[in-house]
Structures are given as structure tokens and as C-alpha cells.
N, C-alpha and C. Protein backbone atom coordinates (compact mmCIF):
# COMPACT_ATOMS: atom_id res chain seq x y z
N MET A 1 24.15 14.26 7.78
CA MET A 1 23.70 12.94 8.20
C MET A 1 22.98 13.02 9.55
N ASN A 2 23.46 13.88 10.42
CA ASN A 2 22.81 14.02 11.72
C ASN A 2 21.37 14.47 11.59
N ASP A 3 21.12 15.35 10.62
CA ASP A 3 19.76 15.84 10.43
C ASP A 3 18.81 14.70 10.07
N LEU A 4 19.27 13.79 9.22
CA LEU A 4 18.44 12.66 8.83
C LEU A 4 18.17 11.74 10.01
N SER A 5 19.16 11.50 10.85
CA SER A 5 18.95 10.64 12.01
C SER A 5 17.97 11.30 12.98
N GLN A 6 17.99 12.62 13.08
CA GLN A 6 17.05 13.30 13.95
C GLN A 6 15.62 13.17 13.43
N VAL A 7 15.47 13.19 12.13
CA VAL A 7 14.14 13.02 11.53
C VAL A 7 13.60 11.63 11.85
N ARG A 8 14.48 10.65 11.86
CA ARG A 8 14.06 9.26 12.10
C ARG A 8 13.75 8.98 13.57
N GLU A 9 14.21 9.83 14.47
CA GLU A 9 13.93 9.63 15.89
C GLU A 9 12.43 9.67 16.12
N GLY A 10 11.95 8.70 16.84
CA GLY A 10 10.52 8.65 17.14
C GLY A 10 9.67 8.09 16.03
N TRP A 11 10.28 7.67 14.94
CA TRP A 11 9.50 7.18 13.81
C TRP A 11 8.75 5.90 14.15
N ASP A 12 9.33 5.05 15.00
CA ASP A 12 8.65 3.82 15.40
C ASP A 12 7.33 4.12 16.09
N GLU A 13 7.33 5.14 16.93
CA GLU A 13 6.09 5.53 17.62
C GLU A 13 5.04 6.04 16.63
N ILE A 14 5.51 6.79 15.65
CA ILE A 14 4.59 7.31 14.63
C ILE A 14 3.97 6.16 13.84
N GLU A 15 4.80 5.19 13.42
CA GLU A 15 4.28 4.05 12.68
C GLU A 15 3.33 3.21 13.53
N ALA A 16 3.64 3.06 14.82
CA ALA A 16 2.76 2.30 15.71
C ALA A 16 1.41 2.99 15.84
N GLU A 17 1.42 4.31 15.97
CA GLU A 17 0.16 5.05 16.07
C GLU A 17 -0.62 4.97 14.76
N GLU A 18 0.08 5.06 13.64
CA GLU A 18 -0.58 4.93 12.34
C GLU A 18 -1.25 3.56 12.22
N THR A 19 -0.54 2.52 12.59
CA THR A 19 -1.10 1.16 12.54
C THR A 19 -2.32 1.05 13.44
N HIS A 20 -2.22 1.61 14.63
CA HIS A 20 -3.34 1.59 15.58
C HIS A 20 -4.56 2.27 14.98
N LEU A 21 -4.36 3.45 14.40
CA LEU A 21 -5.48 4.18 13.80
C LEU A 21 -6.07 3.45 12.61
N LEU A 22 -5.22 2.85 11.78
CA LEU A 22 -5.72 2.11 10.62
C LEU A 22 -6.55 0.90 11.04
N ARG A 23 -6.13 0.24 12.09
CA ARG A 23 -6.88 -0.94 12.57
C ARG A 23 -8.23 -0.56 13.15
N ARG A 24 -8.37 0.67 13.61
CA ARG A 24 -9.64 1.12 14.18
C ARG A 24 -10.63 1.53 13.10
N MET A 25 -10.16 1.71 11.86
CA MET A 25 -11.03 2.14 10.77
C MET A 25 -11.97 1.01 10.36
N THR A 26 -13.18 1.39 10.03
CA THR A 26 -14.10 0.41 9.48
C THR A 26 -13.79 0.23 7.99
N VAL A 27 -14.35 -0.78 7.39
CA VAL A 27 -14.16 -1.01 5.96
C VAL A 27 -14.69 0.20 5.18
N LYS A 28 -15.82 0.71 5.59
CA LYS A 28 -16.41 1.86 4.91
C LYS A 28 -15.48 3.08 4.99
N GLU A 29 -14.93 3.34 6.16
CA GLU A 29 -14.00 4.47 6.32
C GLU A 29 -12.75 4.26 5.48
N SER A 30 -12.25 3.05 5.48
CA SER A 30 -11.05 2.74 4.72
C SER A 30 -11.28 2.95 3.23
N LEU A 31 -12.41 2.49 2.73
CA LEU A 31 -12.74 2.69 1.32
C LEU A 31 -12.91 4.17 0.99
N ARG A 32 -13.50 4.91 1.90
CA ARG A 32 -13.68 6.34 1.69
C ARG A 32 -12.31 7.04 1.56
N HIS A 33 -11.37 6.67 2.43
CA HIS A 33 -10.03 7.25 2.36
C HIS A 33 -9.32 6.84 1.07
N TYR A 34 -9.46 5.57 0.70
CA TYR A 34 -8.84 5.09 -0.54
C TYR A 34 -9.36 5.87 -1.75
N LEU A 35 -10.67 6.02 -1.81
CA LEU A 35 -11.27 6.73 -2.95
C LEU A 35 -10.88 8.21 -2.96
N ALA A 36 -10.74 8.81 -1.80
CA ALA A 36 -10.30 10.21 -1.73
C ALA A 36 -8.87 10.33 -2.26
N LEU A 37 -8.01 9.40 -1.88
CA LEU A 37 -6.64 9.40 -2.41
C LEU A 37 -6.63 9.17 -3.91
N GLN A 38 -7.47 8.26 -4.36
CA GLN A 38 -7.57 7.97 -5.80
C GLN A 38 -7.97 9.23 -6.56
N ARG A 39 -8.96 9.95 -6.06
CA ARG A 39 -9.39 11.19 -6.71
C ARG A 39 -8.27 12.23 -6.70
N ALA A 40 -7.60 12.34 -5.57
CA ALA A 40 -6.56 13.36 -5.44
C ALA A 40 -5.38 13.11 -6.37
N PHE A 41 -5.06 11.84 -6.60
CA PHE A 41 -3.86 11.51 -7.37
C PHE A 41 -4.14 10.91 -8.74
N GLU A 42 -5.38 10.88 -9.15
CA GLU A 42 -5.74 10.22 -10.42
C GLU A 42 -4.98 10.80 -11.60
N LEU A 43 -4.90 12.11 -11.71
CA LEU A 43 -4.21 12.72 -12.83
C LEU A 43 -2.74 12.31 -12.87
N GLN A 44 -2.07 12.35 -11.71
CA GLN A 44 -0.66 11.96 -11.66
C GLN A 44 -0.50 10.47 -11.98
N LEU A 45 -1.43 9.66 -11.50
CA LEU A 45 -1.37 8.22 -11.80
C LEU A 45 -1.50 7.98 -13.30
N GLN A 46 -2.39 8.69 -13.93
CA GLN A 46 -2.56 8.53 -15.38
C GLN A 46 -1.33 9.01 -16.14
N GLN A 47 -0.77 10.13 -15.70
CA GLN A 47 0.39 10.70 -16.40
C GLN A 47 1.64 9.84 -16.26
N THR A 48 1.76 9.12 -15.17
CA THR A 48 2.96 8.31 -14.92
C THR A 48 2.72 6.81 -15.15
N GLU A 49 1.56 6.45 -15.64
CA GLU A 49 1.19 5.05 -15.80
C GLU A 49 2.23 4.28 -16.61
N SER A 50 2.69 4.85 -17.70
CA SER A 50 3.64 4.13 -18.55
C SER A 50 4.97 3.88 -17.85
N LEU A 51 5.34 4.76 -16.92
CA LEU A 51 6.59 4.59 -16.19
C LEU A 51 6.57 3.38 -15.25
N PHE A 52 5.39 3.07 -14.72
CA PHE A 52 5.27 2.03 -13.69
C PHE A 52 4.53 0.79 -14.16
N ARG A 53 4.12 0.76 -15.41
CA ARG A 53 3.32 -0.37 -15.91
C ARG A 53 4.04 -1.70 -15.75
N ALA A 54 5.29 -1.80 -16.18
CA ALA A 54 6.02 -3.08 -16.12
C ALA A 54 6.14 -3.55 -14.67
N GLU A 55 6.47 -2.64 -13.78
CA GLU A 55 6.60 -3.00 -12.36
C GLU A 55 5.27 -3.49 -11.79
N ARG A 56 4.19 -2.79 -12.13
CA ARG A 56 2.87 -3.16 -11.63
C ARG A 56 2.44 -4.52 -12.18
N LEU A 57 2.69 -4.75 -13.47
CA LEU A 57 2.33 -6.04 -14.05
C LEU A 57 3.14 -7.18 -13.43
N ALA A 58 4.42 -6.95 -13.18
CA ALA A 58 5.25 -7.97 -12.54
C ALA A 58 4.73 -8.28 -11.14
N TYR A 59 4.33 -7.24 -10.42
CA TYR A 59 3.78 -7.44 -9.08
C TYR A 59 2.48 -8.24 -9.16
N LEU A 60 1.62 -7.90 -10.10
CA LEU A 60 0.35 -8.62 -10.23
C LEU A 60 0.56 -10.08 -10.60
N GLU A 61 1.55 -10.35 -11.46
CA GLU A 61 1.87 -11.74 -11.81
C GLU A 61 2.36 -12.51 -10.58
N LYS A 62 3.21 -11.88 -9.80
CA LYS A 62 3.71 -12.51 -8.57
C LYS A 62 2.55 -12.77 -7.61
N LEU A 63 1.66 -11.81 -7.48
CA LEU A 63 0.50 -11.96 -6.60
C LEU A 63 -0.38 -13.11 -7.07
N GLN A 64 -0.61 -13.21 -8.37
CA GLN A 64 -1.41 -14.31 -8.90
C GLN A 64 -0.78 -15.66 -8.59
N ARG A 65 0.54 -15.76 -8.75
CA ARG A 65 1.23 -17.02 -8.43
C ARG A 65 1.07 -17.37 -6.96
N ARG A 66 1.24 -16.38 -6.10
CA ARG A 66 1.11 -16.62 -4.66
C ARG A 66 -0.32 -17.02 -4.30
N LEU A 67 -1.31 -16.37 -4.90
CA LEU A 67 -2.69 -16.74 -4.64
C LEU A 67 -2.99 -18.14 -5.15
N GLY A 68 -2.41 -18.50 -6.30
CA GLY A 68 -2.58 -19.85 -6.82
C GLY A 68 -1.98 -20.89 -5.88
N MET A 69 -0.81 -20.60 -5.35
CA MET A 69 -0.18 -21.52 -4.40
C MET A 69 -1.03 -21.65 -3.14
N LEU A 70 -1.57 -20.55 -2.67
CA LEU A 70 -2.43 -20.58 -1.50
C LEU A 70 -3.68 -21.40 -1.76
N ALA A 71 -4.28 -21.23 -2.94
CA ALA A 71 -5.49 -21.99 -3.28
C ALA A 71 -5.19 -23.49 -3.33
N ARG A 72 -4.04 -23.86 -3.91
CA ARG A 72 -3.68 -25.28 -3.96
C ARG A 72 -3.47 -25.85 -2.57
N ARG A 73 -2.82 -25.09 -1.70
CA ARG A 73 -2.58 -25.56 -0.33
C ARG A 73 -3.89 -25.73 0.42
N MET A 74 -4.83 -24.83 0.16
CA MET A 74 -6.12 -24.91 0.86
C MET A 74 -6.91 -26.13 0.37
N GLU A 75 -6.70 -26.55 -0.87
CA GLU A 75 -7.40 -27.71 -1.40
C GLU A 75 -6.85 -29.01 -0.83
N GLU A 76 -5.58 -29.01 -0.42
CA GLU A 76 -4.93 -30.22 0.08
C GLU A 76 -5.45 -30.63 1.43
């Protein structure tokens, strides 16, 4: 257990730096990184698609509901 707590030490600083770097990225840079990750993991994503389909669809349904609620609020 001590080893795990040592790994977590300083993690807040790492996450803060990651957030800082991500905010400095342009949209073009961000898309480039996203597409590179997509290319790197495409085969694994395809192979495991059936394992995560239900979870992904549930998330998309929840997102659609939330976006619908937001749209209604904006109309009011």
C-alpha cells in the first residue's frame, strides 16, 4: 500500500501541468493529437467495440438528454 501512496505523491502537480499544457494547445494541435491517438489505437478500438458498445450508447443517450435540456433552457 505504501508503494501506491508514493506513486500518487505529486500527482496533483502533474495533473495541473497537464491541464496547463492542454489549455495552451490550439484547436489544430488538439485535433492532430486526437487523430494520432485514433490511428494508434484504432485496431484495439475495433477489436473491443462490442465490449463497450452498451456503455457508449448509454453515455450518448445521456449526453443527448443533457443537450436537449440545455437547448430548452436557452430557448426560455
